[in-house]
Amino acid sequence: MISFTDHLDREYGKRRAKKREAYERGSEAFKIGVLIQEMREQQNMTKALPNGDQ
């Protein structure tokens, strides 16, 4: 079994490589989005979608 860092190095290149930096930015944006969503849900700030889903 390989470490997650080794996996990232193989898939996206070492840190500071363009492909790796793009992955890191996308990953951070996703995590921030999840945190915002969780906070909105905790504060009952979520909006119902037009079809009733949330």
C-alpha atoms as a PDB file:
ATOM      1  CA  MET A   1       0.000   0.000   0.000  1.00  0.00           C
ATOM      2  CA  ILE A   2       1.297   3.457  -0.850  1.00  0.00           C
ATOM      3  CA  SER A   3       0.762   6.656   1.094  1.00  0.00           C
ATOM      4  CA  PHE A   4      -1.700   9.268  -0.118  1.00  0.00           C
ATOM      5  CA  THR A   5       1.181  11.680  -0.742  1.00  0.00           C
ATOM      6  CA  ASP A   6       2.907   9.093  -2.940  1.00  0.00           C
ATOM      7  CA  HIS A   7      -0.365   8.551  -4.791  1.00  0.00           C
ATOM      8  CA  LEU A   8      -0.697  12.293  -5.426  1.00  0.00           C
ATOM      9  CA  ASP A   9       2.925  12.463  -6.585  1.00  0.00           C
ATOM     10  CA  ARG A  10       2.271   9.673  -9.096  1.00  0.00           C
ATOM     11  CA  GLU A  11      -1.070  11.003 -10.355  1.00  0.00           C
ATOM     12  CA  TYR A  12      -0.431  14.774 -10.316  1.00  0.00           C
ATOM     13  CA  GLY A  13       3.319  15.208  -9.978  1.00  0.00           C
ATOM     14  CA  LYS A  14       5.388  16.595  -7.135  1.00  0.00           C
ATOM     15  CA  ARG A  15       4.339  19.736  -5.269  1.00  0.00           C
ATOM     16  CA  ARG A  16       4.659  22.922  -7.333  1.00  0.00           C
ATOM     17  CA  ALA A  17       3.979  21.002 -10.566  1.00  0.00           C
ATOM     18  CA  LYS A  18       1.183  22.707 -12.536  1.00  0.00           C
ATOM     19  CA  LYS A  19      -1.072  19.651 -12.531  1.00  0.00           C
ATOM     20  CA  ARG A  20      -0.542  19.132  -8.776  1.00  0.00           C
ATOM     21  CA  GLU A  21      -1.220  22.794  -7.980  1.00  0.00           C
ATOM     22  CA  ALA A  22      -4.467  22.649  -9.962  1.00  0.00           C
ATOM     23  CA  TYR A  23      -5.496  19.533  -8.020  1.00  0.00           C
ATOM     24  CA  GLU A  24      -4.630  21.189  -4.689  1.00  0.00           C
ATOM     25  CA  ARG A  25      -6.664  24.318  -5.560  1.00  0.00           C
ATOM     26  CA  GLY A  26      -9.661  22.237  -6.565  1.00  0.00           C
ATOM     27  CA  SER A  27      -9.386  20.130  -3.439  1.00  0.00           C
ATOM     28  CA  GLU A  28      -9.250  23.191  -1.174  1.00  0.00           C
ATOM     29  CA  ALA A  29     -12.204  24.798  -2.972  1.00  0.00           C
ATOM     30  CA  PHE A  30     -14.245  21.624  -2.471  1.00  0.00           C
ATOM     31  CA  LYS A  31     -13.390  21.464   1.254  1.00  0.00           C
ATOM     32  CA  ILE A  32     -14.334  25.121   1.751  1.00  0.00           C
ATOM     33  CA  GLY A  33     -17.631  24.524  -0.066  1.00  0.00           C
ATOM     34  CA  VAL A  34     -18.449  21.599   2.219  1.00  0.00           C
ATOM     35  CA  LEU A  35     -17.623  23.679   5.314  1.00  0.00           C
ATOM     36  CA  ILE A  36     -19.874  26.504   4.106  1.00  0.00           C
ATOM     37  CA  GLN A  37     -22.695  24.065   3.378  1.00  0.00           C
ATOM     38  CA  GLU A  38     -22.375  22.484   6.839  1.00  0.00           C
ATOM     39  CA  MET A  39     -22.442  25.886   8.537  1.00  0.00           C
ATOM     40  CA  ARG A  40     -25.486  26.935   6.517  1.00  0.00           C
ATOM     41  CA  GLU A  41     -27.272  23.734   7.504  1.00  0.00           C
ATOM     42  CA  GLN A  42     -26.398  24.237  11.186  1.00  0.00           C
ATOM     43  CA  GLN A  43     -27.861  27.736  11.038  1.00  0.00           C
ATOM     44  CA  ASN A  44     -30.906  26.648   8.986  1.00  0.00           C
ATOM     45  CA  MET A  45     -29.799  28.874   6.136  1.00  0.00           C
ATOM     46  CA  THR A  46     -30.196  26.326   3.342  1.00  0.00           C
ATOM     47  CA  LYS A  47     -32.673  27.022   0.593  1.00  0.00           C
ATOM     48  CA  ALA A  48     -34.994  24.390  -0.759  1.00  0.00           C
ATOM     49  CA  LEU A  49     -34.550  23.752  -4.459  1.00  0.00           C
ATOM     50  CA  PRO A  50     -37.563  24.361  -6.736  1.00  0.00           C
ATOM     51  CA  ASN A  51     -38.348  20.630  -6.960  1.00  0.00           C
ATOM     52  CA  GLY A  52     -38.259  20.281  -3.151  1.00  0.00           C
ATOM     53  CA  ASP A  53     -34.792  18.706  -2.894  1.00  0.00           C
ATOM     54  CA  GLN A  54     -32.116  20.288  -0.776  1.00  0.00           C
END
